[in-house]
Amino acid sequence: MEIVWFLSVIWTIYGIAGLLGHQYIKPAYKNREWTLEYKKECGRCWIAVGVPWLAAGIFFKIIGLSGWRICLIIFLISIPGVVYSVTVEKKYKHLLNTREQN
């Protein structure tokens, strides 16, 4: 249970850092006109995973849920954040490849 709390707090803090533009990104994405927006999008991705985990951790603590049910709920609430992350990464990877070809 503590790992849910720990990861959710770390991911949420890292997401907030991304929203503020202070996040590590791949060297290929640096020094582009869209780099700051990419960092903010990555921050939103981390928050989209961290905040639901944080809410789930509070929920689990209140109702005393444990075992495989936690795993299932964590998996289900992570899907939107992961899909959003993959979509953002594809968008900027395509933008990077398009700019390099021109």
N, C-alpha and C. Protein backbone atom coordinates (compact mmCIF):
# COMPACT_ATOMS: atom_id res chain seq x y z
N MET A 1 0.82 -1.19 0.00
CA MET A 1 0.00 0.00 0.00
C MET A 1 0.86 1.26 0.00
N GLU A 2 1.97 1.22 0.73
CA GLU A 2 2.82 2.41 0.81
C GLU A 2 3.44 2.75 -0.54
N ILE A 3 3.65 1.74 -1.38
CA ILE A 3 4.24 2.01 -2.69
C ILE A 3 3.29 2.85 -3.54
N VAL A 4 1.98 2.65 -3.40
CA VAL A 4 1.00 3.46 -4.13
C VAL A 4 1.13 4.92 -3.71
N TRP A 5 1.22 5.15 -2.42
CA TRP A 5 1.38 6.52 -1.92
C TRP A 5 2.69 7.14 -2.41
N PHE A 6 3.77 6.39 -2.26
CA PHE A 6 5.09 6.89 -2.63
C PHE A 6 5.14 7.26 -4.11
N LEU A 7 4.74 6.33 -4.98
CA LEU A 7 4.80 6.60 -6.41
C LEU A 7 3.87 7.73 -6.82
N SER A 8 2.69 7.77 -6.24
CA SER A 8 1.75 8.83 -6.62
C SER A 8 2.27 10.21 -6.25
N VAL A 9 2.89 10.32 -5.11
CA VAL A 9 3.44 11.61 -4.68
C VAL A 9 4.62 12.01 -5.59
N ILE A 10 5.51 11.07 -5.87
CA ILE A 10 6.66 11.35 -6.74
C ILE A 10 6.19 11.76 -8.12
N TRP A 11 5.26 11.01 -8.71
CA TRP A 11 4.77 11.32 -10.05
C TRP A 11 4.04 12.65 -10.08
N THR A 12 3.28 12.96 -9.07
CA THR A 12 2.56 14.23 -9.03
C THR A 12 3.53 15.40 -8.91
N ILE A 13 4.53 15.28 -8.07
CA ILE A 13 5.54 16.34 -7.92
C ILE A 13 6.32 16.51 -9.22
N TYR A 14 6.69 15.40 -9.85
CA TYR A 14 7.41 15.46 -11.11
C TYR A 14 6.53 16.09 -12.20
N GLY A 15 5.24 15.80 -12.16
CA GLY A 15 4.30 16.41 -13.11
C GLY A 15 4.19 17.91 -12.91
N ILE A 16 4.14 18.34 -11.67
CA ILE A 16 4.09 19.78 -11.38
C ILE A 16 5.38 20.45 -11.85
N ALA A 17 6.50 19.80 -11.65
CA ALA A 17 7.77 20.33 -12.16
C ALA A 17 7.73 20.47 -13.67
N GLY A 18 7.12 19.49 -14.35
CA GLY A 18 6.97 19.56 -15.80
C GLY A 18 6.09 20.72 -16.23
N LEU A 19 5.01 20.94 -15.50
CA LEU A 19 4.14 22.07 -15.83
C LEU A 19 4.87 23.40 -15.69
N LEU A 20 5.81 23.44 -14.77
CA LEU A 20 6.61 24.66 -14.56
C LEU A 20 7.80 24.73 -15.52
N GLY A 21 7.99 23.68 -16.33
CA GLY A 21 9.07 23.67 -17.31
C GLY A 21 10.39 23.13 -16.79
N HIS A 22 10.37 22.49 -15.63
CA HIS A 22 11.60 21.95 -15.04
C HIS A 22 11.52 20.43 -15.02
N GLN A 23 11.76 19.83 -16.17
CA GLN A 23 11.68 18.38 -16.26
C GLN A 23 12.75 17.90 -17.22
N TYR A 24 13.31 16.74 -16.93
CA TYR A 24 14.30 16.16 -17.82
C TYR A 24 13.61 15.65 -19.07
N ILE A 25 14.17 15.98 -20.22
CA ILE A 25 13.66 15.45 -21.48
C ILE A 25 14.82 14.92 -22.30
N LYS A 26 14.51 14.13 -23.31
CA LYS A 26 15.54 13.57 -24.18
C LYS A 26 16.28 14.70 -24.90
N PRO A 27 17.59 14.53 -25.12
CA PRO A 27 18.36 15.59 -25.79
C PRO A 27 17.81 15.97 -27.17
N ALA A 28 17.22 15.03 -27.87
CA ALA A 28 16.68 15.33 -29.20
C ALA A 28 15.53 16.33 -29.14
N TYR A 29 14.84 16.41 -28.01
CA TYR A 29 13.70 17.31 -27.88
C TYR A 29 14.09 18.69 -27.34
N LYS A 30 15.34 18.87 -26.99
CA LYS A 30 15.78 20.15 -26.43
C LYS A 30 16.02 21.19 -27.52
N ASN A 31 15.94 22.45 -27.15
CA ASN A 31 16.24 23.59 -28.02
C ASN A 31 15.39 23.63 -29.28
N ARG A 32 14.14 23.28 -29.14
CA ARG A 32 13.18 23.40 -30.24
C ARG A 32 12.18 24.48 -29.86
N GLU A 33 11.45 24.99 -30.83
CA GLU A 33 10.46 26.03 -30.51
C GLU A 33 9.32 25.48 -29.67
N TRP A 34 9.12 24.17 -29.69
CA TRP A 34 8.02 23.55 -28.94
C TRP A 34 8.51 22.81 -27.69
N THR A 35 9.75 22.99 -27.29
CA THR A 35 10.31 22.26 -26.14
C THR A 35 9.55 22.55 -24.84
N LEU A 36 9.24 23.79 -24.58
CA LEU A 36 8.53 24.13 -23.34
C LEU A 36 7.14 23.50 -23.33
N GLU A 37 6.46 23.52 -24.46
CA GLU A 37 5.13 22.90 -24.53
C GLU A 37 5.24 21.39 -24.34
N TYR A 38 6.30 20.79 -24.87
CA TYR A 38 6.52 19.36 -24.69
C TYR A 38 6.71 19.04 -23.20
N LYS A 39 7.50 19.85 -22.51
CA LYS A 39 7.71 19.64 -21.08
C LYS A 39 6.39 19.75 -20.31
N LYS A 40 5.58 20.72 -20.68
CA LYS A 40 4.28 20.87 -20.01
C LYS A 40 3.37 19.68 -20.29
N GLU A 41 3.38 19.19 -21.52
CA GLU A 41 2.58 18.01 -21.86
C GLU A 41 3.05 16.80 -21.06
N CYS A 42 4.35 16.64 -20.94
CA CYS A 42 4.89 15.53 -20.14
C CYS A 42 4.47 15.67 -18.68
N GLY A 43 4.47 16.90 -18.17
CA GLY A 43 4.00 17.15 -16.81
C GLY A 43 2.55 16.73 -16.63
N ARG A 44 1.73 17.06 -17.62
CA ARG A 44 0.32 16.64 -17.56
C ARG A 44 0.20 15.12 -17.57
N CYS A 45 1.06 14.47 -18.33
CA CYS A 45 1.04 12.99 -18.38
C CYS A 45 1.34 12.40 -17.00
N TRP A 46 2.37 12.92 -16.35
CA TRP A 46 2.71 12.41 -15.02
C TRP A 46 1.61 12.67 -14.01
N ILE A 47 0.99 13.83 -14.11
CA ILE A 47 -0.12 14.15 -13.21
C ILE A 47 -1.32 13.26 -13.51
N ALA A 48 -1.54 12.96 -14.79
CA ALA A 48 -2.67 12.10 -15.17
C ALA A 48 -2.52 10.68 -14.60
N VAL A 49 -1.32 10.29 -14.27
CA VAL A 49 -1.11 8.99 -13.62
C VAL A 49 -1.02 9.16 -12.10
N GLY A 50 -0.33 10.19 -11.64
CA GLY A 50 -0.08 10.36 -10.20
C GLY A 50 -1.29 10.70 -9.37
N VAL A 51 -2.12 11.61 -9.85
CA VAL A 51 -3.28 12.04 -9.06
C VAL A 51 -4.30 10.92 -8.87
N PRO A 52 -4.65 10.16 -9.92
CA PRO A 52 -5.57 9.03 -9.68
C PRO A 52 -5.00 8.00 -8.70
N TRP A 53 -3.69 7.76 -8.77
CA TRP A 53 -3.08 6.83 -7.82
C TRP A 53 -3.18 7.39 -6.40
N LEU A 54 -2.97 8.70 -6.25
CA LEU A 54 -3.07 9.32 -4.94
C LEU A 54 -4.50 9.20 -4.40
N ALA A 55 -5.47 9.48 -5.24
CA ALA A 55 -6.88 9.34 -4.84
C ALA A 55 -7.20 7.89 -4.50
N ALA A 56 -6.68 6.96 -5.29
CA ALA A 56 -6.92 5.55 -5.02
C ALA A 56 -6.28 5.13 -3.69
N GLY A 57 -5.10 5.65 -3.39
CA GLY A 57 -4.45 5.35 -2.12
C GLY A 57 -5.27 5.80 -0.94
N ILE A 58 -5.85 6.99 -1.05
CA ILE A 58 -6.72 7.50 0.01
C ILE A 58 -7.97 6.62 0.12
N PHE A 59 -8.55 6.29 -1.01
CA PHE A 59 -9.74 5.44 -1.05
C PHE A 59 -9.46 4.07 -0.42
N PHE A 60 -8.33 3.47 -0.78
CA PHE A 60 -7.97 2.15 -0.24
C PHE A 60 -7.78 2.21 1.28
N LYS A 61 -7.18 3.28 1.74
CA LYS A 61 -6.94 3.45 3.18
C LYS A 61 -8.27 3.58 3.93
N ILE A 62 -9.21 4.34 3.37
CA ILE A 62 -10.49 4.56 4.03
C ILE A 62 -11.31 3.28 4.13
N ILE A 63 -11.38 2.52 3.02
CA ILE A 63 -12.24 1.34 3.03
C ILE A 63 -11.49 0.06 3.39
N GLY A 64 -10.18 0.13 3.52
CA GLY A 64 -9.41 -1.05 3.94
C GLY A 64 -9.28 -2.11 2.87
N LEU A 65 -9.23 -1.71 1.63
CA LEU A 65 -9.12 -2.64 0.51
C LEU A 65 -7.68 -3.12 0.38
N SER A 66 -7.51 -4.39 0.01
CA SER A 66 -6.16 -4.91 -0.19
C SER A 66 -6.20 -6.06 -1.19
N GLY A 67 -5.00 -6.54 -1.54
CA GLY A 67 -4.89 -7.71 -2.41
C GLY A 67 -5.06 -7.41 -3.88
N TRP A 68 -5.60 -8.39 -4.59
CA TRP A 68 -5.72 -8.30 -6.04
C TRP A 68 -6.67 -7.19 -6.47
N ARG A 69 -7.58 -6.81 -5.62
CA ARG A 69 -8.52 -5.72 -5.96
C ARG A 69 -7.78 -4.40 -6.15
N ILE A 70 -6.79 -4.17 -5.32
CA ILE A 70 -5.97 -2.96 -5.47
C ILE A 70 -5.28 -2.97 -6.83
N CYS A 71 -4.69 -4.09 -7.17
CA CYS A 71 -3.99 -4.20 -8.46
C CYS A 71 -4.92 -3.93 -9.62
N LEU A 72 -6.10 -4.49 -9.57
CA LEU A 72 -7.07 -4.30 -10.65
C LEU A 72 -7.50 -2.84 -10.75
N ILE A 73 -7.81 -2.22 -9.63
CA ILE A 73 -8.24 -0.82 -9.64
C ILE A 73 -7.11 0.09 -10.11
N ILE A 74 -5.90 -0.14 -9.63
CA ILE A 74 -4.75 0.66 -10.06
C ILE A 74 -4.54 0.53 -11.56
N PHE A 75 -4.65 -0.69 -12.06
CA PHE A 75 -4.51 -0.91 -13.50
C PHE A 75 -5.56 -0.13 -14.27
N LEU A 76 -6.80 -0.21 -13.86
CA LEU A 76 -7.89 0.44 -14.57
C LEU A 76 -7.80 1.97 -14.54
N ILE A 77 -7.41 2.53 -13.39
CA ILE A 77 -7.33 3.99 -13.32
C ILE A 77 -6.06 4.53 -13.99
N SER A 78 -5.11 3.66 -14.29
CA SER A 78 -3.88 4.08 -14.96
C SER A 78 -4.04 4.15 -16.48
N ILE A 79 -5.02 3.47 -17.01
CA ILE A 79 -5.18 3.39 -18.46
C ILE A 79 -5.31 4.76 -19.12
N PRO A 80 -6.17 5.66 -18.64
CA PRO A 80 -6.26 6.97 -19.32
C PRO A 80 -4.95 7.75 -19.32
N GLY A 81 -4.22 7.73 -18.22
CA GLY A 81 -2.94 8.44 -18.16
C GLY A 81 -1.91 7.86 -19.10
N VAL A 82 -1.88 6.55 -19.21
CA VAL A 82 -0.92 5.89 -20.10
C VAL A 82 -1.29 6.16 -21.56
N VAL A 83 -2.56 6.09 -21.88
CA VAL A 83 -3.00 6.39 -23.25
C VAL A 83 -2.66 7.84 -23.61
N TYR A 84 -2.90 8.76 -22.69
CA TYR A 84 -2.56 10.16 -22.93
C TYR A 84 -1.06 10.31 -23.13
N SER A 85 -0.26 9.63 -22.33
CA SER A 85 1.20 9.71 -22.46
C SER A 85 1.67 9.20 -23.81
N VAL A 86 1.14 8.08 -24.24
CA VAL A 86 1.52 7.52 -25.54
C VAL A 86 1.12 8.46 -26.67
N THR A 87 -0.05 9.05 -26.58
CA THR A 87 -0.52 9.98 -27.59
C THR A 87 0.38 11.21 -27.68
N VAL A 88 0.74 11.76 -26.54
CA VAL A 88 1.62 12.94 -26.52
C VAL A 88 2.98 12.59 -27.10
N GLU A 89 3.53 11.46 -26.70
CA GLU A 89 4.85 11.06 -27.19
C GLU A 89 4.84 10.85 -28.71
N LYS A 90 3.79 10.23 -29.22
CA LYS A 90 3.67 10.04 -30.67
C LYS A 90 3.59 11.37 -31.40
N LYS A 91 2.82 12.30 -30.83
CA LYS A 91 2.66 13.63 -31.44
C LYS A 91 4.01 14.33 -31.58
N TYR A 92 4.77 14.36 -30.51
CA TYR A 92 6.04 15.09 -30.54
C TYR A 92 7.13 14.32 -31.27
N LYS A 93 7.07 13.02 -31.28
CA LYS A 93 8.04 12.24 -32.05
C LYS A 93 7.80 12.48 -33.54
N HIS A 94 6.52 12.52 -33.94
CA HIS A 94 6.19 12.83 -35.33
C HIS A 94 6.65 14.25 -35.68
N LEU A 95 6.43 15.19 -34.78
CA LEU A 95 6.86 16.57 -35.01
C LEU A 95 8.38 16.64 -35.13
N LEU A 96 9.09 15.91 -34.31
CA LEU A 96 10.55 15.88 -34.37
C LEU A 96 11.02 15.29 -35.68
N ASN A 97 10.44 14.18 -36.10
CA ASN A 97 10.84 13.54 -37.35
C ASN A 97 10.51 14.40 -38.56
N THR A 98 9.39 15.11 -38.50
CA THR A 98 9.01 16.00 -39.60
C THR A 98 9.99 17.15 -39.72
N ARG A 99 10.38 17.71 -38.62
CA ARG A 99 11.32 18.85 -38.63
C ARG A 99 12.71 18.42 -39.09
N GLU A 100 13.12 17.19 -38.74
CA GLU A 100 14.44 16.73 -39.13
C GLU A 100 14.52 16.42 -40.63
N GLN A 101 13.40 16.03 -41.22
CA GLN A 101 13.38 15.71 -42.64
C GLN A 101 13.41 16.97 -43.49
N ASN A 102 12.92 18.09 -42.96
CA ASN A 102 12.89 19.34 -43.73
C ASN A 102 14.18 20.07 -43.67
